[in-house]
PDB file of N, CA and C in Angstrom:
ATOM      1  N   MET A   1     -37.914  -8.160  14.961  1.00  0.00           N
ATOM      2  CA  MET A   1     -37.239  -7.623  13.809  1.00  0.00           C
ATOM      3  C   MET A   1     -35.728  -7.882  13.956  1.00  0.00           C
ATOM      4  N   TYR A   2     -35.089  -8.256  12.871  1.00  0.00           N
ATOM      5  CA  TYR A   2     -33.638  -8.495  12.891  1.00  0.00           C
ATOM      6  C   TYR A   2     -32.982  -7.714  11.769  1.00  0.00           C
ATOM      7  N   ALA A   3     -31.674  -7.587  11.879  1.00  0.00           N
ATOM      8  CA  ALA A   3     -30.905  -6.894  10.846  1.00  0.00           C
ATOM      9  C   ALA A   3     -29.557  -7.582  10.691  1.00  0.00           C
ATOM     10  N   VAL A   4     -28.960  -7.420   9.536  1.00  0.00           N
ATOM     11  CA  VAL A   4     -27.602  -7.847   9.303  1.00  0.00           C
ATOM     12  C   VAL A   4     -26.769  -6.576   9.169  1.00  0.00           C
ATOM     13  N   ILE A   5     -25.804  -6.405  10.084  1.00  0.00           N
ATOM     14  CA  ILE A   5     -24.996  -5.183  10.074  1.00  0.00           C
ATOM     15  C   ILE A   5     -23.542  -5.539   9.752  1.00  0.00           C
ATOM     16  N   LYS A   6     -22.834  -4.526   9.320  1.00  0.00           N
ATOM     17  CA  LYS A   6     -21.414  -4.680   9.001  1.00  0.00           C
ATOM     18  C   LYS A   6     -20.639  -3.713   9.857  1.00  0.00           C
ATOM     19  N   THR A   7     -19.687  -4.252  10.661  1.00  0.00           N
ATOM     20  CA  THR A   7     -18.831  -3.412  11.472  1.00  0.00           C
ATOM     21  C   THR A   7     -17.501  -4.128  11.703  1.00  0.00           C
ATOM     22  N   GLY A   8     -16.424  -3.405  11.611  1.00  0.00           N
ATOM     23  CA  GLY A   8     -15.118  -4.008  11.816  1.00  0.00           C
ATOM     24  C   GLY A   8     -14.738  -5.040  10.799  1.00  0.00           C
ATOM     25  N   GLY A   9     -15.279  -4.931   9.583  1.00  0.00           N
ATOM     26  CA  GLY A   9     -14.944  -5.906   8.531  1.00  0.00           C
ATOM     27  C   GLY A   9     -15.685  -7.210   8.643  1.00  0.00           C
ATOM     28  N   LYS A  10     -16.617  -7.319   9.591  1.00  0.00           N
ATOM     29  CA  LYS A  10     -17.384  -8.544   9.779  1.00  0.00           C
ATOM     30  C   LYS A  10     -18.884  -8.238   9.683  1.00  0.00           C
ATOM     31  N   GLN A  11     -19.686  -9.271   9.475  1.00  0.00           N
ATOM     32  CA  GLN A  11     -21.127  -9.114   9.396  1.00  0.00           C
ATOM     33  C   GLN A  11     -21.771  -9.895  10.543  1.00  0.00           C
ATOM     34  N   TYR A  12     -22.789  -9.285  11.148  1.00  0.00           N
ATOM     35  CA  TYR A  12     -23.490  -9.886  12.283  1.00  0.00           C
ATOM     36  C   TYR A  12     -24.976  -9.798  12.066  1.00  0.00           C
ATOM     37  N   ARG A  13     -25.687 -10.880  12.445  1.00  0.00           N
ATOM     38  CA  ARG A  13     -27.154 -10.883  12.435  1.00  0.00           C
ATOM     39  C   ARG A  13     -27.586 -10.525  13.848  1.00  0.00           C
ATOM     40  N   VAL A  14     -28.305  -9.420  14.033  1.00  0.00           N
ATOM     41  CA  VAL A  14     -28.609  -8.919  15.345  1.00  0.00           C
ATOM     42  C   VAL A  14     -30.133  -8.756  15.506  1.00  0.00           C
ATOM     43  N   THR A  15     -30.571  -8.918  16.761  1.00  0.00           N
ATOM     44  CA  THR A  15     -31.945  -8.677  17.143  1.00  0.00           C
ATOM     45  C   THR A  15     -31.974  -7.762  18.367  1.00  0.00           C
ATOM     46  N   THR A  16     -33.123  -7.212  18.677  1.00  0.00           N
ATOM     47  CA  THR A  16     -33.227  -6.320  19.827  1.00  0.00           C
ATOM     48  C   THR A  16     -32.980  -7.083  21.115  1.00  0.00           C
ATOM     49  N   GLY A  17     -32.161  -6.505  22.012  1.00  0.00           N
ATOM     50  CA  GLY A  17     -31.842  -7.114  23.283  1.00  0.00           C
ATOM     51  C   GLY A  17     -30.638  -8.034  23.267  1.00  0.00           C
ATOM     52  N   GLN A  18     -30.051  -8.266  22.121  1.00  0.00           N
ATOM     53  CA  GLN A  18     -28.917  -9.167  21.991  1.00  0.00           C
ATOM     54  C   GLN A  18     -27.626  -8.480  22.414  1.00  0.00           C
ATOM     55  N   LYS A  19     -26.740  -9.243  23.066  1.00  0.00           N
ATOM     56  CA  LYS A  19     -25.420  -8.745  23.420  1.00  0.00           C
ATOM     57  C   LYS A  19     -24.402  -9.391  22.485  1.00  0.00           C
ATOM     58  N   LEU A  20     -23.438  -8.619  22.022  1.00  0.00           N
ATOM     59  CA  LEU A  20     -22.383  -9.210  21.216  1.00  0.00           C
ATOM     60  C   LEU A  20     -21.111  -8.416  21.329  1.00  0.00           C
ATOM     61  N   LYS A  21     -19.998  -9.089  21.009  1.00  0.00           N
ATOM     62  CA  LYS A  21     -18.674  -8.476  21.075  1.00  0.00           C
ATOM     63  C   LYS A  21     -18.245  -8.194  19.641  1.00  0.00           C
ATOM     64  N   ILE A  22     -17.980  -6.927  19.351  1.00  0.00           N
ATOM     65  CA  ILE A  22     -17.552  -6.497  18.030  1.00  0.00           C
ATOM     66  C   ILE A  22     -16.156  -5.933  18.124  1.00  0.00           C
ATOM     67  N   GLU A  23     -15.561  -5.632  17.000  1.00  0.00           N
ATOM     68  CA  GLU A  23     -14.254  -5.022  16.963  1.00  0.00           C
ATOM     69  C   GLU A  23     -14.331  -3.681  17.700  1.00  0.00           C
ATOM     70  N   GLN A  24     -13.206  -3.277  18.286  1.00  0.00           N
ATOM     71  CA  GLN A  24     -13.190  -2.124  19.173  1.00  0.00           C
ATOM     72  C   GLN A  24     -13.659  -0.850  18.467  1.00  0.00           C
ATOM     73  N   ILE A  25     -14.559  -0.131  19.153  1.00  0.00           N
ATOM     74  CA  ILE A  25     -15.060   1.160  18.717  1.00  0.00           C
ATOM     75  C   ILE A  25     -14.698   2.173  19.795  1.00  0.00           C
ATOM     76  N   PRO A  26     -14.124   3.324  19.438  1.00  0.00           N
ATOM     77  CA  PRO A  26     -13.781   4.308  20.457  1.00  0.00           C
ATOM     78  C   PRO A  26     -15.041   4.978  21.018  1.00  0.00           C
ATOM     79  N   ALA A  27     -15.569   4.448  22.107  1.00  0.00           N
ATOM     80  CA  ALA A  27     -16.761   4.956  22.755  1.00  0.00           C
ATOM     81  C   ALA A  27     -16.674   4.681  24.249  1.00  0.00           C
ATOM     82  N   ASP A  28     -17.342   5.520  25.042  1.00  0.00           N
ATOM     83  CA  ASP A  28     -17.356   5.351  26.472  1.00  0.00           C
ATOM     84  C   ASP A  28     -18.411   4.324  26.890  1.00  0.00           C
ATOM     85  N   ILE A  29     -18.222   3.732  28.062  1.00  0.00           N
ATOM     86  CA  ILE A  29     -19.181   2.770  28.599  1.00  0.00           C
ATOM     87  C   ILE A  29     -20.486   3.522  28.924  1.00  0.00           C
ATOM     88  N   GLY A  30     -21.605   2.968  28.481  1.00  0.00           N
ATOM     89  CA  GLY A  30     -22.903   3.592  28.682  1.00  0.00           C
ATOM     90  C   GLY A  30     -23.321   4.500  27.549  1.00  0.00           C
ATOM     91  N   GLN A  31     -22.443   4.776  26.630  1.00  0.00           N
ATOM     92  CA  GLN A  31     -22.758   5.658  25.507  1.00  0.00           C
ATOM     93  C   GLN A  31     -23.589   4.914  24.483  1.00  0.00           C
ATOM     94  N   GLU A  32     -24.533   5.602  23.852  1.00  0.00           N
ATOM     95  CA  GLU A  32     -25.337   4.988  22.819  1.00  0.00           C
ATOM     96  C   GLU A  32     -24.708   5.284  21.465  1.00  0.00           C
ATOM     97  N   ILE A  33     -24.513   4.244  20.650  1.00  0.00           N
ATOM     98  CA  ILE A  33     -23.917   4.410  19.344  1.00  0.00           C
ATOM     99  C   ILE A  33     -24.916   3.958  18.277  1.00  0.00           C
ATOM    100  N   THR A  34     -24.736   4.447  17.060  1.00  0.00           N
ATOM    101  CA  THR A  34     -25.591   4.045  15.957  1.00  0.00           C
ATOM    102  C   THR A  34     -24.740   3.329  14.919  1.00  0.00           C
ATOM    103  N   LEU A  35     -25.193   2.191  14.498  1.00  0.00           N
ATOM    104  CA  LEU A  35     -24.522   1.392  13.483  1.00  0.00           C
ATOM    105  C   LEU A  35     -25.370   1.556  12.191  1.00  0.00           C
ATOM    106  N   ASP A  36     -24.821   2.318  11.246  1.00  0.00           N
ATOM    107  CA  ASP A  36     -25.615   2.676  10.070  1.00  0.00           C
ATOM    108  C   ASP A  36     -25.316   1.853   8.838  1.00  0.00           C
ATOM    109  N   GLN A  37     -24.359   0.917   8.930  1.00  0.00           N
ATOM    110  CA  GLN A  37     -24.098   0.039   7.791  1.00  0.00           C
ATOM    111  C   GLN A  37     -24.972  -1.192   7.937  1.00  0.00           C
ATOM    112  N   VAL A  38     -26.235  -1.065   7.515  1.00  0.00           N
ATOM    113  CA  VAL A  38     -27.210  -2.138   7.610  1.00  0.00           C
ATOM    114  C   VAL A  38     -27.380  -2.762   6.241  1.00  0.00           C
ATOM    115  N   LEU A  39     -27.054  -4.057   6.122  1.00  0.00           N
ATOM    116  CA  LEU A  39     -27.109  -4.746   4.839  1.00  0.00           C
ATOM    117  C   LEU A  39     -28.487  -5.293   4.519  1.00  0.00           C
ATOM    118  N   SER A  40     -29.228  -5.735   5.538  1.00  0.00           N
ATOM    119  CA  SER A  40     -30.596  -6.200   5.320  1.00  0.00           C
ATOM    120  C   SER A  40     -31.386  -6.111   6.626  1.00  0.00           C
ATOM    121  N   VAL A  41     -32.702  -5.986   6.459  1.00  0.00           N
ATOM    122  CA  VAL A  41     -33.629  -5.884   7.599  1.00  0.00           C
ATOM    123  C   VAL A  41     -34.777  -6.851   7.299  1.00  0.00           C
ATOM    124  N   GLY A  42     -35.174  -7.643   8.330  1.00  0.00           N
ATOM    125  CA  GLY A  42     -36.252  -8.575   8.119  1.00  0.00           C
ATOM    126  C   GLY A  42     -37.132  -8.708   9.338  1.00  0.00           C
ATOM    127  N   GLU A  43     -38.392  -9.101   9.064  1.00  0.00           N
ATOM    128  CA  GLU A  43     -39.351  -9.358  10.137  1.00  0.00           C
ATOM    129  C   GLU A  43     -40.352 -10.359   9.603  1.00  0.00           C
ATOM    130  N   GLY A  44     -40.353 -11.556  10.200  1.00  0.00           N
ATOM    131  CA  GLY A  44     -41.237 -12.617   9.723  1.00  0.00           C
ATOM    132  C   GLY A  44     -40.853 -13.061   8.330  1.00  0.00           C
ATOM    133  N   ASP A  45     -41.794 -13.061   7.397  1.00  0.00           N
ATOM    134  CA  ASP A  45     -41.525 -13.459   6.014  1.00  0.00           C
ATOM    135  C   ASP A  45     -40.975 -12.317   5.159  1.00  0.00           C
ATOM    136  N   GLU A  46     -41.063 -11.095   5.646  1.00  0.00           N
ATOM    137  CA  GLU A  46     -40.593  -9.941   4.875  1.00  0.00           C
ATOM    138  C   GLU A  46     -39.097  -9.766   5.065  1.00  0.00           C
ATOM    139  N   LEU A  47     -38.401  -9.509   3.961  1.00  0.00           N
ATOM    140  CA  LEU A  47     -36.954  -9.278   3.983  1.00  0.00           C
ATOM    141  C   LEU A  47     -36.643  -8.134   3.049  1.00  0.00           C
ATOM    142  N   GLN A  48     -35.921  -7.174   3.549  1.00  0.00           N
ATOM    143  CA  GLN A  48     -35.521  -6.022   2.747  1.00  0.00           C
ATOM    144  C   GLN A  48     -33.996  -6.050   2.621  1.00  0.00           C
ATOM    145  N   ILE A  49     -33.511  -6.226   1.406  1.00  0.00           N
ATOM    146  CA  ILE A  49     -32.092  -6.329   1.153  1.00  0.00           C
ATOM    147  C   ILE A  49     -31.585  -5.064   0.472  1.00  0.00           C
ATOM    148  N   GLY A  50     -30.484  -4.530   0.992  1.00  0.00           N
ATOM    149  CA  GLY A  50     -29.941  -3.295   0.461  1.00  0.00           C
ATOM    150  C   GLY A  50     -29.041  -3.530  -0.756  1.00  0.00           C
ATOM    151  N   THR A  51     -28.736  -2.445  -1.462  1.00  0.00           N
ATOM    152  CA  THR A  51     -27.855  -2.519  -2.608  1.00  0.00           C
ATOM    153  C   THR A  51     -26.760  -1.459  -2.519  1.00  0.00           C
ATOM    154  N   PRO A  52     -25.731  -1.526  -1.758  1.00  0.00           N
ATOM    155  CA  PRO A  52     -25.400  -2.599  -0.792  1.00  0.00           C
ATOM    156  C   PRO A  52     -26.012  -2.365   0.590  1.00  0.00           C
ATOM    157  N   LEU A  53     -26.449  -1.104   0.887  1.00  0.00           N
ATOM    158  CA  LEU A  53     -27.017  -0.800   2.206  1.00  0.00           C
ATOM    159  C   LEU A  53     -28.490  -0.475   2.099  1.00  0.00           C
ATOM    160  N   VAL A  54     -29.242  -0.723   3.171  1.00  0.00           N
ATOM    161  CA  VAL A  54     -30.654  -0.380   3.229  1.00  0.00           C
ATOM    162  C   VAL A  54     -30.759   1.109   3.577  1.00  0.00           C
ATOM    163  N   ALA A  55     -31.500   1.849   2.780  1.00  0.00           N
ATOM    164  CA  ALA A  55     -31.636   3.283   2.976  1.00  0.00           C
ATOM    165  C   ALA A  55     -32.429   3.547   4.263  1.00  0.00           C
ATOM    166  N   ASN A  56     -31.976   4.508   5.064  1.00  0.00           N
ATOM    167  CA  ASN A  56     -32.638   4.977   6.290  1.00  0.00           C
ATOM    168  C   ASN A  56     -32.756   3.901   7.365  1.00  0.00           C
ATOM    169  N   ALA A  57     -31.967   2.845   7.298  1.00  0.00           N
ATOM    170  CA  ALA A  57     -31.988   1.799   8.337  1.00  0.00           C
ATOM    171  C   ALA A  57     -30.864   2.072   9.328  1.00  0.00           C
ATOM    172  N   VAL A  58     -31.226   2.006  10.622  1.00  0.00           N
ATOM    173  CA  VAL A  58     -30.245   2.265  11.677  1.00  0.00           C
ATOM    174  C   VAL A  58     -30.435   1.266  12.789  1.00  0.00           C
ATOM    175  N   VAL A  59     -29.303   0.826  13.364  1.00  0.00           N
ATOM    176  CA  VAL A  59     -29.313  -0.037  14.535  1.00  0.00           C
ATOM    177  C   VAL A  59     -28.697   0.753  15.672  1.00  0.00           C
ATOM    178  N   LYS A  60     -29.450   0.907  16.766  1.00  0.00           N
ATOM    179  CA  LYS A  60     -28.958   1.634  17.931  1.00  0.00           C
ATOM    180  C   LYS A  60     -28.483   0.635  18.967  1.00  0.00           C
ATOM    181  N   ALA A  61     -27.300   0.913  19.564  1.00  0.00           N
ATOM    182  CA  ALA A  61     -26.724   0.004  20.544  1.00  0.00           C
ATOM    183  C   ALA A  61     -26.118   0.805  21.678  1.00  0.00           C
ATOM    184  N   THR A  62     -26.020   0.183  22.845  1.00  0.00           N
ATOM    185  CA  THR A  62     -25.405   0.776  24.011  1.00  0.00           C
ATOM    186  C   THR A  62     -24.116   0.008  24.342  1.00  0.00           C
ATOM    187  N   VAL A  63     -23.044   0.738  24.615  1.00  0.00           N
ATOM    188  CA  VAL A  63     -21.764   0.125  24.949  1.00  0.00           C
ATOM    189  C   VAL A  63     -21.809  -0.373  26.389  1.00  0.00           C
ATOM    190  N   LEU A  64     -21.531  -1.665  26.568  1.00  0.00           N
ATOM    191  CA  LEU A  64     -21.553  -2.255  27.891  1.00  0.00           C
ATOM    192  C   LEU A  64     -20.145  -2.355  28.500  1.00  0.00           C
ATOM    193  N   ALA A  65     -19.147  -2.670  27.667  1.00  0.00           N
ATOM    194  CA  ALA A  65     -17.803  -2.841  28.187  1.00  0.00           C
ATOM    195  C   ALA A  65     -16.781  -2.747  27.048  1.00  0.00           C
ATOM    196  N   GLN A  66     -15.563  -2.413  27.426  1.00  0.00           N
ATOM    197  CA  GLN A  66     -14.403  -2.482  26.542  1.00  0.00           C
ATOM    198  C   GLN A  66     -13.475  -3.520  27.145  1.00  0.00           C
ATOM    199  N   GLY A  67     -12.933  -4.388  26.339  1.00  0.00           N
ATOM    200  CA  GLY A  67     -12.062  -5.411  26.875  1.00  0.00           C
ATOM    201  C   GLY A  67     -11.160  -6.043  25.856  1.00  0.00           C
ATOM    202  N   ARG A  68     -10.548  -7.159  26.258  1.00  0.00           N
ATOM    203  CA  ARG A  68      -9.655  -7.899  25.387  1.00  0.00           C
ATOM    204  C   ARG A  68     -10.005  -9.387  25.448  1.00  0.00           C
ATOM    205  N   HIS A  69      -9.979 -10.041  24.287  1.00  0.00           N
ATOM    206  CA  HIS A  69     -10.252 -11.455  24.197  1.00  0.00           C
ATOM    207  C   HIS A  69      -9.135 -12.255  24.865  1.00  0.00           C
ATOM    208  N   ASP A  70      -9.333 -13.555  24.963  1.00  0.00           N
ATOM    209  CA  ASP A  70      -8.297 -14.443  25.488  1.00  0.00           C
ATOM    210  C   ASP A  70      -7.102 -14.472  24.537  1.00  0.00           C
ATOM    211  N   LYS A  71      -5.955 -14.830  25.069  1.00  0.00           N
ATOM    212  CA  LYS A  71      -4.738 -14.835  24.271  1.00  0.00           C
ATOM    213  C   LYS A  71      -4.744 -16.002  23.314  1.00  0.00           C
ATOM    214  N   VAL A  72      -4.324 -15.699  22.082  1.00  0.00           N
ATOM    215  CA  VAL A  72      -4.133 -16.725  21.073  1.00  0.00           C
ATOM    216  C   VAL A  72      -2.646 -16.914  20.901  1.00  0.00           C
ATOM    217  N   ARG A  73      -2.202 -18.142  20.985  1.00  0.00           N
ATOM    218  CA  ARG A  73      -0.767 -18.455  20.876  1.00  0.00           C
ATOM    219  C   ARG A  73      -0.452 -18.839  19.425  1.00  0.00           C
ATOM    220  N   ILE A  74       0.594 -18.238  18.878  1.00  0.00           N
ATOM    221  CA  ILE A  74       1.070 -18.549  17.561  1.00  0.00           C
ATOM    222  C   ILE A  74       2.441 -19.232  17.712  1.00  0.00           C
ATOM    223  N   PHE A  75       2.560 -20.438  17.197  1.00  0.00           N
ATOM    224  CA  PHE A  75       3.803 -21.214  17.336  1.00  0.00           C
ATOM    225  C   PHE A  75       4.264 -21.640  15.959  1.00  0.00           C
ATOM    226  N   LYS A  76       5.496 -21.269  15.618  1.00  0.00           N
ATOM    227  CA  LYS A  76       6.082 -21.659  14.359  1.00  0.00           C
ATOM    228  C   LYS A  76       7.335 -22.507  14.633  1.00  0.00           C
ATOM    229  N   MET A  77       7.507 -23.554  13.813  1.00  0.00           N
ATOM    230  CA  MET A  77       8.676 -24.410  14.015  1.00  0.00           C
ATOM    231  C   MET A  77       9.061 -25.047  12.693  1.00  0.00           C
ATOM    232  N   ARG A  78      10.354 -25.099  12.439  1.00  0.00           N
ATOM    233  CA  ARG A  78      10.884 -25.862  11.282  1.00  0.00           C
ATOM    234  C   ARG A  78      11.643 -27.059  11.866  1.00  0.00           C
ATOM    235  N   ARG A  79      11.255 -28.238  11.463  1.00  0.00           N
ATOM    236  CA  ARG A  79      11.880 -29.411  12.018  1.00  0.00           C
ATOM    237  C   ARG A  79      13.329 -29.521  11.527  1.00  0.00           C
ATOM    238  N   ARG A  80      14.158 -30.012  12.426  1.00  0.00           N
ATOM    239  CA  ARG A  80      15.584 -30.238  12.196  1.00  0.00           C
ATOM    240  C   ARG A  80      16.385 -28.988  11.888  1.00  0.00           C
ATOM    241  N   LYS A  81      15.829 -27.795  12.100  1.00  0.00           N
ATOM    242  CA  LYS A  81      16.548 -26.562  11.760  1.00  0.00           C
ATOM    243  C   LYS A  81      16.786 -25.668  12.965  1.00  0.00           C
ATOM    244  N   HIS A  82      16.428 -26.108  14.164  1.00  0.00           N
ATOM    245  CA  HIS A  82      16.567 -25.321  15.401  1.00  0.00           C
ATOM    246  C   HIS A  82      15.859 -23.981  15.300  1.00  0.00           C
ATOM    247  N   TYR A  83      14.684 -23.997  14.704  1.00  0.00           N
ATOM    248  CA  TYR A  83      13.906 -22.760  14.539  1.00  0.00           C
ATOM    249  C   TYR A  83      12.583 -22.923  15.280  1.00  0.00           C
ATOM    250  N   ARG A  84      12.354 -22.127  16.313  1.00  0.00           N
ATOM    251  CA  ARG A  84      11.094 -22.090  17.047  1.00  0.00           C
ATOM    252  C   ARG A  84      10.771 -20.670  17.393  1.00  0.00           C
ATOM    253  N   ARG A  85       9.527 -20.255  17.147  1.00  0.00           N
ATOM    254  CA  ARG A  85       9.068 -18.913  17.513  1.00  0.00           C
ATOM    255  C   ARG A  85       7.704 -19.026  18.139  1.00  0.00           C
ATOM    256  N   THR A  86       7.523 -18.347  19.261  1.00  0.00           N
ATOM    257  CA  THR A  86       6.211 -18.292  19.938  1.00  0.00           C
ATOM    258  C   THR A  86       5.810 -16.841  20.051  1.00  0.00           C
ATOM    259  N   GLN A  87       4.567 -16.593  19.703  1.00  0.00           N
ATOM    260  CA  GLN A  87       4.048 -15.231  19.759  1.00  0.00           C
ATOM    261  C   GLN A  87       2.629 -15.301  20.279  1.00  0.00           C
ATOM    262  N   GLY A  88       2.180 -14.245  20.957  1.00  0.00           N
ATOM    263  CA  GLY A  88       0.830 -14.193  21.483  1.00  0.00           C
ATOM    264  C   GLY A  88       0.102 -12.973  20.979  1.00  0.00           C
ATOM    265  N   HIS A  89      -1.233 -13.046  20.971  1.00  0.00           N
ATOM    266  CA  HIS A  89      -2.025 -11.918  20.486  1.00  0.00           C
ATOM    267  C   HIS A  89      -3.343 -11.860  21.255  1.00  0.00           C
ATOM    268  N   ARG A  90      -3.723 -10.660  21.698  1.00  0.00           N
ATOM    269  CA  ARG A  90      -5.017 -10.455  22.353  1.00  0.00           C
ATOM    270  C   ARG A  90      -5.716  -9.306  21.585  1.00  0.00           C
ATOM    271  N   GLN A  91      -6.897  -9.647  21.021  1.00  0.00           N
ATOM    272  CA  GLN A  91      -7.638  -8.668  20.238  1.00  0.00           C
ATOM    273  C   GLN A  91      -8.573  -7.865  21.139  1.00  0.00           C
ATOM    274  N   ASN A  92      -8.619  -6.537  20.906  1.00  0.00           N
ATOM    275  CA  ASN A  92      -9.521  -5.681  21.649  1.00  0.00           C
ATOM    276  C   ASN A  92     -10.938  -5.817  21.126  1.00  0.00           C
ATOM    277  N   TYR A  93     -11.917  -5.669  22.027  1.00  0.00           N
ATOM    278  CA  TYR A  93     -13.319  -5.751  21.611  1.00  0.00           C
ATOM    279  C   TYR A  93     -14.143  -4.706  22.366  1.00  0.00           C
ATOM    280  N   THR A  94     -15.329  -4.446  21.831  1.00  0.00           N
ATOM    281  CA  THR A  94     -16.344  -3.624  22.479  1.00  0.00           C
ATOM    282  C   THR A  94     -17.587  -4.467  22.611  1.00  0.00           C
ATOM    283  N   GLU A  95     -18.094  -4.617  23.835  1.00  0.00           N
ATOM    284  CA  GLU A  95     -19.308  -5.378  24.031  1.00  0.00           C
ATOM    285  C   GLU A  95     -20.508  -4.415  24.003  1.00  0.00           C
ATOM    286  N   VAL A  96     -21.490  -4.729  23.148  1.00  0.00           N
ATOM    287  CA  VAL A  96     -22.647  -3.839  22.985  1.00  0.00           C
ATOM    288  C   VAL A  96     -23.934  -4.621  23.182  1.00  0.00           C
ATOM    289  N   ARG A  97     -24.989  -3.902  23.544  1.00  0.00           N
ATOM    290  CA  ARG A  97     -26.346  -4.471  23.612  1.00  0.00           C
ATOM    291  C   ARG A  97     -27.178  -3.732  22.581  1.00  0.00           C
ATOM    292  N   ILE A  98     -27.855  -4.466  21.703  1.00  0.00           N
ATOM    293  CA  ILE A  98     -28.683  -3.888  20.656  1.00  0.00           C
ATOM    294  C   ILE A  98     -29.960  -3.389  21.291  1.00  0.00           C
ATOM    295  N   GLU A  99     -30.246  -2.103  21.142  1.00  0.00           N
ATOM    296  CA  GLU A  99     -31.432  -1.493  21.734  1.00  0.00           C
ATOM    297  C   GLU A  99     -32.601  -1.427  20.746  1.00  0.00           C
ATOM    298  N   ALA A 100     -32.352  -1.063  19.505  1.00  0.00           N
ATOM    299  CA  ALA A 100     -33.439  -0.897  18.554  1.00  0.00           C
ATOM    300  C   ALA A 100     -32.953  -1.139  17.139  1.00  0.00           C
ATOM    301  N   VAL A 101     -33.822  -1.733  16.317  1.00  0.00           N
ATOM    302  CA  VAL A 101     -33.561  -1.917  14.880  1.00  0.00           C
ATOM    303  C   VAL A 101     -34.688  -1.178  14.159  1.00  0.00           C
ATOM    304  N   THR A 102     -34.332  -0.148  13.403  1.00  0.00           N
ATOM    305  CA  THR A 102     -35.348   0.636  12.670  1.00  0.00           C
ATOM    306  C   THR A 102     -35.030   0.565  11.192  1.00  0.00           C
ATOM    307  N   ALA A 103     -36.081   0.435  10.381  1.00  0.00           N
ATOM    308  CA  ALA A 103     -35.903   0.362   8.931  1.00  0.00           C
ATOM    309  C   ALA A 103     -36.422   1.623   8.260  1.00  0.00           C
TER     310      ALA A 103
END
């Protein structure tokens, strides 16, 4: 069984046992969280699409780690104008393992 969930402004297709990095959620390591914004649930040929969410559908996940992605460098330059700017950014993430998908 799989589901399409929405968290942190992004959509993810998840299955049981899958690990993924999502936008940071304030939770402790080892804590079980529920992701209740489920857009669709499917198994085999059956697909249940919500309007906009599927009623009574929940995805349970366990928090594995909190961390930060690799640094992204932002470089701006205007030619012939002596203008150069360098900036860096590291986005926070929460790594979770999907435990169960229920519809």
